[in-house]
Protein backbone atom coordinates (compact mmCIF):
# COMPACT_ATOMS: atom_id res chain seq x y z
CA MET A 1 14.65 32.87 16.69
CA CYS A 2 17.65 32.66 14.35
CA SER A 3 18.14 29.82 11.88
CA GLY A 4 21.88 29.60 12.47
CA VAL A 5 24.87 31.11 14.28
CA PHE A 6 27.93 31.90 12.18
CA VAL A 7 31.41 33.34 12.70
CA GLU A 8 32.64 35.66 9.97
CA ALA A 9 36.05 34.39 8.91
CA ALA A 10 36.67 36.94 6.15
CA ALA A 11 35.06 39.59 3.97
CA PHE A 12 36.49 40.87 0.69
CA PRO A 13 35.33 42.51 -2.56
CA VAL A 14 34.49 40.42 -5.61
CA ASN A 15 36.45 41.81 -8.56
CA ASP A 16 37.83 39.00 -10.70
CA LYS A 17 38.52 35.29 -10.43
CA GLY A 18 42.21 35.70 -9.59
CA SER A 19 41.73 38.10 -6.68
CA PHE A 20 38.78 36.05 -5.45
CA ALA A 21 40.89 32.88 -5.36
CA ASP A 22 43.74 34.69 -3.60
CA SER A 23 41.34 36.09 -0.98
CA CYS A 24 39.93 32.61 -0.32
CA ALA A 25 43.44 31.23 0.14
CA ALA A 26 44.42 34.11 2.47
CA VAL A 27 41.73 33.34 5.06
CA ALA A 28 43.11 32.16 8.41
CA TRP A 29 41.72 28.65 7.93
CA PRO A 30 43.72 27.01 10.77
CA HIS A 31 41.55 28.93 13.21
CA PHE A 32 38.61 26.76 12.12
CA LEU A 33 39.97 23.69 10.34
CA LYS A 34 42.55 21.05 11.17
CA PRO A 35 44.57 19.05 8.62
CA HIS A 36 42.63 15.82 9.29
CA SER A 37 39.19 17.39 9.75
CA SER A 38 36.31 17.42 7.27
CA PHE A 39 34.26 20.32 5.95
CA LEU A 40 31.51 21.25 3.50
CA VAL A 41 31.08 24.54 1.65
CA SER A 42 27.70 25.99 0.68
CA ALA A 43 27.22 29.18 -1.30
CA GLN A 44 24.52 31.82 -1.58
CA LEU A 45 24.76 34.13 -4.59
CA VAL A 46 22.44 37.12 -4.54
CA GLY A 47 22.15 39.03 -7.79
CA THR A 48 24.43 38.73 -10.82
CA ASN A 49 28.19 38.27 -10.70
CA ARG A 50 30.87 38.51 -13.35
CA PHE A 51 32.43 35.05 -13.04
CA LEU A 52 30.48 33.27 -10.28
CA HIS A 53 27.93 31.51 -12.45
CA SER A 54 26.56 29.02 -9.89
CA ASP A 55 26.60 28.18 -6.20
CA ARG A 56 28.52 24.98 -6.87
CA TYR A 57 31.26 26.78 -8.78
CA ALA A 58 31.64 29.37 -6.00
CA SER A 59 31.87 26.59 -3.41
CA GLN A 60 34.58 24.89 -5.48
CA LEU A 61 36.67 28.07 -5.51
CA VAL A 62 36.50 28.28 -1.70
CA LYS A 63 37.46 24.61 -1.44
CA ASP A 64 40.46 25.25 -3.72
CA GLY A 65 41.47 28.18 -1.52
CA ILE A 66 41.49 25.92 1.54
CA SER A 67 43.65 23.35 -0.28
CA HIS A 68 46.11 26.03 -1.41
CA HIS A 69 46.34 27.51 2.10
CA PHE A 70 47.18 24.21 3.78
CA GLY A 71 49.23 22.72 0.95
CA ARG A 72 51.26 25.66 -0.32
CA ALA A 73 51.38 28.12 2.58
CA LEU A 74 51.63 25.64 5.46
CA GLY A 75 52.92 22.49 3.76
CA LYS A 76 50.33 20.36 5.56
CA GLU A 77 47.66 17.92 4.51
CA SER A 78 44.48 19.64 3.42
CA PRO A 79 41.18 18.89 5.19
CA SER A 80 38.82 16.62 3.28
CA VAL A 81 35.35 17.34 1.94
CA SER A 82 32.45 15.41 3.49
CA PHE A 83 28.93 15.62 2.07
CA ARG A 84 27.25 13.47 4.74
CA ASP A 85 28.67 14.42 8.12
CA PRO A 86 31.20 17.27 7.95
CA GLU A 87 32.83 18.47 11.14
CA VAL A 88 32.75 22.10 9.99
CA ARG A 89 30.21 23.74 7.69
CA LEU A 90 31.18 26.85 5.72
CA LEU A 91 28.91 29.35 3.98
CA LEU A 92 29.92 31.76 1.23
CA HIS A 93 27.52 34.69 0.88
CA VAL A 94 27.99 37.01 -2.10
CA GLU A 95 25.88 40.14 -2.46
CA HIS A 96 26.41 43.68 -3.80
CA GLY A 97 29.93 42.86 -4.98
CA GLU A 98 31.14 41.66 -1.57
CA ALA A 99 31.88 38.13 -0.41
CA ARG A 100 31.62 36.97 3.18
CA VAL A 101 33.01 33.65 4.37
CA LEU A 102 31.02 32.38 7.36
CA VAL A 103 31.69 29.39 9.60
CA ASP A 104 28.80 27.56 11.25
CA ALA A 105 29.38 27.73 15.00
CA VAL A 106 26.63 25.27 15.95
CA GLY A 107 27.02 22.49 13.41
CA VAL A 108 23.29 21.91 12.91
CA PRO A 109 20.36 24.25 12.23
CA THR A 110 19.18 25.89 15.42
CA SER A 111 15.68 24.63 14.61
CA ALA A 112 16.90 21.04 15.05
CA ARG A 113 15.82 20.78 18.66
CA SER A 114 17.26 17.73 20.39
CA TYR A 115 14.09 17.22 22.43
CA ARG A 116 12.04 16.10 19.41
CA TYR A 117 10.84 12.55 20.13
CA LYS A 118 9.58 11.72 16.63
CA PRO A 119 11.12 14.30 14.30
CA ALA A 120 9.69 12.48 11.27
CA ILE A 121 6.21 13.73 12.20
CA SER A 122 5.68 17.06 10.48
CA ASP A 123 5.23 20.03 12.79
CA ILE A 124 5.89 23.76 12.81
CA ASP A 125 9.52 24.86 12.86
CA PRO A 126 10.54 25.67 16.47
CA THR A 127 12.26 28.92 15.51
CA VAL A 128 9.09 30.03 13.70
CA ALA A 129 7.04 29.14 16.78
CA VAL A 130 9.33 31.25 18.98
CA ALA A 131 9.06 34.16 16.54
CA LEU A 132 5.25 34.00 16.63
CA LEU A 133 5.25 33.90 20.43
CA HIS A 134 7.50 36.95 20.40
CA ASP A 135 5.12 38.72 18.02
CA ILE A 136 2.24 38.52 20.51
CA GLY A 137 4.41 39.72 23.39
CA PHE A 138 4.90 36.39 25.15
CA THR A 139 8.11 36.33 27.19
CA SER A 140 9.21 35.00 30.52
CA TYR A 141 6.76 35.60 33.36
CA GLU A 142 9.69 36.67 35.54
CA SER A 143 11.13 40.17 35.02
CA ASN A 144 14.78 39.19 35.57
CA CYS A 145 15.24 37.42 32.22
CA TYR A 146 18.28 36.92 30.01
CA ASP A 147 19.92 40.25 29.28
CA LEU A 148 23.26 41.20 27.74
CA SER A 149 24.11 43.74 30.43
CA HIS A 150 23.32 41.20 33.14
CA TYR A 151 25.58 38.69 31.39
CA GLU A 152 28.36 41.29 31.29
CA ARG A 153 27.88 41.86 34.99
CA SER A 154 28.10 38.13 35.66
CA LEU A 155 31.36 37.98 33.69
CA SER A 156 32.87 40.61 35.97
CA SER A 157 31.95 38.50 38.99
CA PHE A 158 33.41 35.44 37.25
CA ASP A 159 36.67 37.33 36.67
CA ARG A 160 36.92 38.17 40.37
CA GLN A 161 36.39 34.54 41.36
CA ASP A 162 38.26 32.78 38.52
CA THR A 163 41.25 30.69 39.65
CA SER A 164 42.09 29.05 36.30
CA PRO A 165 45.72 29.16 35.08
CA ALA A 166 44.78 31.62 32.34
CA ALA A 167 43.13 33.93 34.84
CA ARG A 168 46.19 33.87 37.10
CA LEU A 169 48.49 35.12 34.35
CA PRO A 170 49.54 38.78 34.62
CA PRO A 171 47.64 41.14 32.33
CA SER A 172 49.09 42.22 29.02
CA ALA A 173 50.28 45.72 28.27
CA ASP A 174 46.86 46.91 27.13
CA GLY A 175 45.27 45.63 30.32
CA CYS A 176 43.07 43.08 28.54
CA GLY A 177 43.83 39.38 28.52
CA PRO A 178 46.89 37.38 29.61
CA ALA A 179 50.42 38.32 28.67
CA ASP A 180 51.43 34.79 27.58
CA PRO A 181 51.29 34.94 23.75
CA GLU A 182 50.19 31.31 23.36
CA VAL A 183 47.33 31.67 25.80
CA ALA A 184 46.50 35.08 24.37
CA THR A 185 46.30 33.66 20.86
CA ALA A 186 43.92 30.94 21.98
CA LEU A 187 41.68 33.19 24.06
CA HIS A 188 41.99 36.49 22.17
CA PRO A 189 43.06 35.69 18.60
CA GLY A 190 42.33 39.20 17.37
CA ARG A 191 45.37 40.53 19.25
CA HIS A 192 48.04 38.14 17.95
CA GLY A 193 48.84 36.45 14.67
CA SER A 194 48.37 37.64 11.12
CA GLY A 195 45.41 37.39 8.80
CA ASN A 196 42.80 36.96 11.50
CA GLN A 197 39.73 39.05 10.75
CA ILE A 198 37.56 38.11 13.70
CA ASP A 199 36.38 40.82 16.06
CA ASP A 200 37.70 40.39 19.56
CA THR A 201 34.27 40.38 21.13
CA ARG A 202 35.43 38.79 24.35
CA SER A 203 38.15 41.36 25.06
CA ASP A 204 35.93 44.26 24.00
CA LEU A 205 33.27 42.99 26.37
CA GLY A 206 35.87 42.81 29.11
CA ARG A 207 36.95 46.39 28.47
CA ARG A 208 33.36 47.63 28.65
CA VAL A 209 32.78 45.76 31.90
CA SER A 210 35.97 47.10 33.47
CA LYS A 211 35.02 50.67 32.54
CA ALA A 212 31.36 50.50 33.42
CA GLY A 213 31.81 48.60 36.68
CA GLU A 214 28.58 47.28 38.13
CA LEU A 215 25.99 47.46 35.38
CA PRO A 216 22.24 47.40 36.01
CA VAL A 217 20.44 44.11 35.59
CA CYS A 218 18.37 45.31 32.62
CA SER A 219 19.42 47.94 30.13
CA SER A 220 17.17 50.40 28.34
CA ASN A 221 17.46 48.32 25.17
CA SER A 222 16.07 45.22 26.85
CA PRO A 223 12.78 43.84 25.51
CA LYS A 224 9.70 44.81 27.44
CA VAL A 225 8.45 41.91 29.55
CA ALA A 226 4.71 41.37 29.78
CA LEU A 227 3.87 40.31 33.33
CA VAL A 228 0.62 38.36 33.14
CA PRO A 229 -0.03 36.47 36.41
CA ASN A 230 -1.66 33.04 36.10
CA ALA A 231 -1.68 33.33 32.31
CA ALA A 232 -2.07 30.15 30.27
CA VAL A 233 -1.11 29.35 26.70
CA VAL A 234 -3.71 27.24 24.89
CA ASP A 235 -2.96 25.53 21.57
CA LEU A 236 -6.17 24.31 19.94
CA PHE A 237 -4.44 22.00 17.45
CA SER A 238 -1.21 21.32 19.31
CA GLY A 239 0.26 18.65 17.00
CA CYS A 240 3.58 17.49 18.44
CA GLY A 241 3.52 20.26 21.04
CA THR A 242 6.20 22.50 19.56
CA PHE A 243 4.39 25.74 20.48
CA LEU A 244 3.71 24.56 24.04
CA ILE A 245 7.22 23.23 24.65
CA GLU A 246 8.91 26.37 23.32
CA ALA A 247 6.61 28.60 25.37
CA ALA A 248 7.25 26.51 28.49
CA MET A 249 11.01 26.68 27.95
CA ILE A 250 10.81 30.46 27.58
CA ALA A 251 8.78 30.75 30.77
CA ALA A 252 11.13 28.44 32.69
CA ARG A 253 14.14 30.31 31.24
CA ILE A 254 15.66 27.20 29.66
CA ALA A 255 18.06 28.20 26.91
CA PRO A 256 17.57 26.07 23.76
CA GLY A 257 21.33 25.67 23.42
CA ALA A 258 21.50 24.12 26.88
CA LEU A 259 20.07 20.92 25.38
CA HIS A 260 23.03 20.57 22.99
CA SER A 261 25.82 18.37 24.29
CA SER A 262 28.42 19.92 21.99
CA PHE A 263 28.85 22.62 19.36
CA SER A 264 30.84 22.80 16.17
CA PHE A 265 32.89 25.78 17.38
CA GLN A 266 34.43 23.63 20.12
CA SER A 267 36.69 22.12 17.46
CA PHE A 268 37.94 25.56 16.40
CA ALA A 269 41.47 26.51 17.39
CA ILE A 270 40.13 29.87 18.57
CA CYS A 271 37.54 28.30 20.87
CA ASP A 272 37.62 29.73 24.40
CA GLU A 273 36.59 26.81 26.62
CA VAL A 274 36.70 29.00 29.73
CA ALA A 275 34.18 31.41 28.22
CA LEU A 276 32.00 28.49 27.11
CA GLN A 277 31.90 27.04 30.61
CA ARG A 278 31.04 30.46 32.01
CA LEU A 279 28.20 30.79 29.52
CA ARG A 280 26.87 27.32 30.40
CA GLN A 281 27.02 28.16 34.09
CA TYR A 282 25.23 31.46 33.50
CA ALA A 283 22.45 29.69 31.57
CA SER A 284 22.14 27.08 34.31
CA GLU A 285 21.84 29.74 37.01
CA ARG A 286 19.18 31.66 35.06
CA ARG A 287 16.97 28.57 34.77
CA LEU A 288 14.06 28.45 37.21
CA ALA A 289 14.50 25.95 40.01
CA THR A 290 11.79 23.28 40.00
CA ASP A 291 11.09 23.90 43.69
CA SER A 292 10.69 27.67 43.29
CA ASP A 293 7.37 29.46 43.55
CA GLU A 294 7.75 30.85 40.02
CA TYR A 295 8.14 27.37 38.57
CA ARG A 296 5.26 25.90 40.55
CA SER A 297 3.00 28.69 39.31
CA LEU A 298 3.69 27.56 35.72
CA ARG A 299 2.58 23.95 36.16
CA GLY A 300 -0.26 23.04 33.86
CA LYS A 301 -0.33 26.50 32.28
CA PHE A 302 0.49 25.23 28.77
CA VAL A 303 -2.59 23.48 27.46
CA GLY A 304 -2.94 21.58 24.21
CA VAL A 305 -5.76 19.73 22.47
CA GLU A 306 -4.95 17.11 19.83
CA SER A 307 -6.96 14.34 18.19
CA CYS A 308 -4.04 12.12 17.10
CA TRP A 309 -2.75 9.81 19.83
CA GLU A 310 0.65 9.49 18.18
CA LYS A 311 1.15 13.27 18.27
CA VAL A 312 0.01 13.40 21.90
CA GLU A 313 2.61 10.75 22.72
CA ALA A 314 5.27 12.70 20.83
CA SER A 315 4.31 15.86 22.73
CA LEU A 316 4.70 14.24 26.14
CA TYR A 317 7.98 12.47 25.38
CA SER A 318 9.43 15.62 23.80
CA ALA A 319 8.36 17.71 26.79
CA GLU A 320 10.05 15.23 29.11
CA LYS A 321 13.31 15.48 27.16
CA ALA A 322 13.05 19.28 27.23
CA GLY A 323 12.52 19.26 31.01
CA VAL A 324 9.06 20.86 30.98
CA LEU A 325 6.73 17.85 31.19
CA ASP A 326 5.07 19.01 34.41
CA LEU A 327 4.31 22.39 32.83
CA LEU A 328 2.25 20.91 29.99
CA ARG A 329 -1.32 19.63 29.98
CA VAL A 330 -2.14 17.89 26.69
CA LEU A 331 -5.57 16.37 26.15
CA GLN A 332 -6.59 13.90 23.46
CA ALA A 333 -10.03 14.59 22.02
CA ASP A 334 -11.68 13.57 18.79
CA TYR A 335 -13.62 16.83 18.79
CA LEU A 336 -12.18 20.24 19.60
CA LYS A 337 -15.22 21.21 21.65
CA ASP A 338 -14.86 18.22 23.99
CA GLY A 339 -11.14 18.81 24.53
CA LEU A 340 -11.52 22.51 25.23
CA TYR A 341 -14.34 22.12 27.73
CA ASP A 342 -12.48 19.29 29.52
CA ALA A 343 -9.40 21.51 29.77
CA HIS A 344 -11.49 24.46 30.93
CA ARG A 345 -13.13 22.44 33.71
CA ALA A 346 -9.73 21.18 34.90
CA ARG A 347 -7.99 24.54 35.07
CA SER A 348 -6.74 25.79 38.43
CA ASP A 349 -8.22 28.60 40.49
CA GLY A 350 -7.37 31.99 39.06
CA GLU A 351 -5.99 30.56 35.82
CA ARG A 352 -6.58 32.90 32.89
CA TRP A 353 -6.48 31.84 29.27
CA CYS A 354 -4.61 34.80 27.81
CA TYR A 355 -2.85 33.29 24.78
CA LEU A 356 -4.62 31.40 22.01
CA ILE A 357 -2.70 29.45 19.37
CA ALA A 358 -4.65 28.02 16.43
CA GLN A 359 -2.68 26.06 13.83
CA LEU A 360 -5.52 25.19 11.48
CA PRO A 361 -5.27 21.61 10.17
CA ARG A 362 -5.62 20.58 6.56
CA LEU A 363 -9.24 20.65 5.50
CA LYS A 364 -9.49 19.04 2.10
CA SER A 365 -12.25 19.10 -0.46
CA GLN A 366 -13.14 16.25 -2.79
CA PHE A 367 -10.63 16.01 -5.61
CA SER A 368 -13.44 15.78 -8.14
CA SER A 369 -14.45 19.33 -7.26
CA VAL A 370 -10.94 20.79 -7.58
CA PRO A 371 -10.85 23.07 -10.66
CA ASP A 372 -8.43 22.08 -13.39
CA THR A 373 -6.16 25.11 -13.62
CA SER A 374 -4.49 23.74 -16.75
CA GLU A 375 -7.59 24.48 -18.84
CA THR A 376 -7.22 27.39 -21.24
CA SER A 377 -9.63 30.28 -21.44
CA SER A 378 -10.61 29.37 -24.99
CA GLU A 379 -11.77 25.91 -23.89
CA ALA A 380 -13.77 27.40 -21.05
CA GLY A 381 -15.50 29.82 -23.40
CA THR A 382 -16.52 27.36 -26.11
CA GLY A 383 -18.56 25.09 -23.92
CA GLY A 384 -16.57 22.10 -25.13
CA GLU A 385 -15.53 20.93 -21.65
CA ARG A 386 -16.16 17.22 -21.21
CA GLY A 387 -16.50 17.77 -17.48
CA GLY A 388 -19.64 19.84 -18.11
CA VAL A 389 -21.46 17.13 -20.06
CA THR A 390 -24.18 15.28 -18.14
CA THR A 391 -25.58 11.87 -19.10
CA ALA A 392 -28.30 9.68 -17.66
CA ASP A 393 -25.69 8.01 -15.45
CA GLY A 394 -24.36 11.32 -14.11
CA PRO A 395 -21.46 13.54 -15.19
CA ALA A 396 -19.44 12.23 -18.09
CA PRO A 397 -15.88 11.22 -17.13
CA ASP A 398 -13.22 13.79 -17.84
CA PHE A 399 -10.34 11.85 -19.39
CA ARG A 400 -7.99 14.82 -19.02
CA ARG A 401 -8.29 14.47 -15.23
CA ALA A 402 -8.19 10.69 -15.07
CA GLY A 403 -5.41 9.54 -12.75
CA ARG A 404 -4.50 13.14 -11.88
CA ARG A 405 -4.32 14.07 -8.23
CA GLY A 406 -4.87 17.66 -7.16
CA THR A 407 -2.00 19.52 -5.54
CA ALA A 408 -1.79 19.99 -1.76
CA VAL A 409 -2.92 23.59 -2.09
CA ALA A 410 -5.64 23.01 -4.67
CA ALA A 411 -7.13 20.26 -2.50
CA LEU A 412 -7.91 22.65 0.36
CA ASP A 413 -11.45 23.90 0.86
CA PRO A 414 -11.61 27.56 2.02
CA GLN A 415 -15.27 27.25 3.00
CA ARG A 416 -14.45 24.56 5.56
CA TYR A 417 -11.84 26.88 7.07
CA TYR A 418 -14.34 29.71 7.41
CA ARG A 419 -16.79 27.42 9.21
CA LEU A 420 -14.03 26.20 11.53
CA LEU A 421 -13.00 29.79 12.29
CA ASN A 422 -16.57 30.60 13.30
CA HIS A 423 -16.47 27.80 15.87
CA VAL A 424 -13.01 28.80 17.15
CA ALA A 425 -14.19 32.41 17.54
CA LYS A 426 -17.13 31.19 19.66
CA PHE A 427 -14.79 29.20 21.91
CA LYS A 428 -12.58 32.26 22.29
CA ARG A 429 -15.47 34.46 23.41
CA ARG A 430 -16.71 31.87 25.91
CA LEU A 431 -13.51 30.48 27.42
CA PHE A 432 -10.71 33.02 26.92
CA GLU A 433 -10.03 36.42 28.39
CA GLU A 434 -11.56 39.33 26.53
CA ASP A 435 -8.12 40.75 25.71
CA ALA A 436 -6.54 37.37 24.89
CA ARG A 437 -3.80 37.53 22.30
CA CYS A 438 -4.31 35.19 19.36
CA VAL A 439 -2.05 33.62 16.74
CA LEU A 440 -3.80 32.04 13.78
CA VAL A 441 -1.83 29.95 11.27
CA ALA A 442 -3.87 29.32 8.12
CA PRO A 443 -3.14 28.27 4.53
CA SER A 444 -2.59 31.20 2.20
CA VAL A 445 -5.65 30.21 0.15
CA VAL A 446 -7.76 31.59 3.00
CA GLN A 447 -8.18 35.34 2.50
CA LEU A 448 -7.81 38.00 5.20
CA PRO A 449 -11.23 39.71 4.71
CA GLU A 450 -13.04 36.39 5.07
CA ILE A 451 -10.91 35.48 8.10
CA SER A 452 -11.79 38.77 9.79
CA GLY A 453 -15.45 38.21 9.02
CA ALA A 454 -15.44 34.68 10.40
CA TRP A 455 -13.44 35.75 13.46
CA GLY A 456 -15.79 38.60 14.29
CA HIS A 457 -13.28 41.47 14.28
CA ALA A 458 -10.30 42.70 12.29
CA MET A 459 -7.25 40.44 12.07
CA HIS A 460 -3.75 41.53 11.08
CA GLY A 461 -1.61 39.62 8.62
CA GLY A 462 1.99 38.83 9.46
CA ARG A 463 4.68 36.32 8.67
CA ARG A 464 4.58 33.82 5.82
CA PHE A 465 6.19 30.40 5.75
CA VAL A 466 5.72 26.90 4.35
CA LYS A 467 4.36 24.19 6.63
CA ALA A 468 4.23 20.59 5.41
CA GLY A 469 4.42 21.77 1.81
CA VAL A 470 1.56 24.27 2.13
CA PRO A 471 2.24 28.05 2.07
CA CYS A 472 0.81 29.52 5.26
CA THR A 473 0.14 33.01 6.57
CA VAL A 474 0.05 34.08 10.20
CA TYR A 475 -2.74 36.33 11.48
CA TYR A 476 -2.88 38.17 14.81
CA SER A 477 -5.74 39.56 16.85
CA ARG A 478 -3.61 42.68 17.37
CA ARG A 479 -0.65 44.08 15.53
CA PRO A 480 2.54 42.11 16.28
CA GLU A 481 5.03 43.55 18.74
CA HIS A 482 7.82 43.87 16.17
CA GLU A 483 5.90 46.37 14.01
């Protein structure tokens, strides 16, 4: 559900320009950058600062620090800046008088799913879709899901079976990691070298595993898993199938990162390739086998209805690339009623529609009826509006509005949304389980009291985000799990 994964390279107070520049130059940049590599620095400034007047200026200071570190301290060629395709992306975050230098470990936003067949077609952000599924309590149908303690336990079994050269080295004096300083610097940089400010997560994890021994599969801090047998997820306006594909991947225990062929952190000098291979193997073992009973029970349990053939095609091709094509059932229908009843008649024995997703489409009004918000109150009170004058040929033309197109938000018609919600509520009562959990994504121009009235019972407001240029609000049939 995160938008990015970053490694903290350094953190230091923001006092004056001189100390800030020295701190930027003192970062252990060779851990992340090579002399012939390329990078790009972005900055986020929260609040006011004494000398950091803009994001671009702050980014330039970090870039100068990198040049000084490689040129003056190391006597090597400095990495180059690339605006189009940098190998390493850096982020400077300044807030409350403290600066943090972060390095992007993935290289691309985590929402950039590689399974997207036609990414140019607008659809909901995958990380937002996962967050909304989490809000209504949707997780894997199988109780033995991904869990940190289980991963720690698997690492201990890996250590007992590992025959790599690094694993065969004698342990160091503290009992954690190899004694060879070169190998130790590569695998556990926090223990050797100067200036490195990265937490030795790997060695700390190893210490906790060695002390705890065999850990339970699920810890007390693990998320509660809702076991709903034969439950189906139904998306009434499925679009490109993002909701269905993400839900199917969660149910099949397919890690989103498993679809990435490479990551940005693999170019770091501190990258632990052994740990990466162990993580990939762990993710592969957690994935449901296609011939297992659990996987077969999921087939056809992710149902979508969409009127656009191009989006249906994108859904199917994307699902195939994600490895969940046989779990989806997407129907093309010009009318929602026809698609829902066709899907309902085709559902398997015992299948229960327990999750309802409704991403309401754009319902526009005529632009001639959109109020002109630029009018002043004095004009409205004098009766001098040309738009209010009527002639024998109809309303007189309003020259102030000639050639002006209403905005995407102003063009929406709330009344059409309320009528649509009435129909969706009827379908829910007829076709879905009585306790079905619902996610409703609607433009923010639609108000909560009217939504609750059209739905038939109280709805609960939740997250807000922008979809295709329109501010949207999420509503739930019950309070989200994270509250």
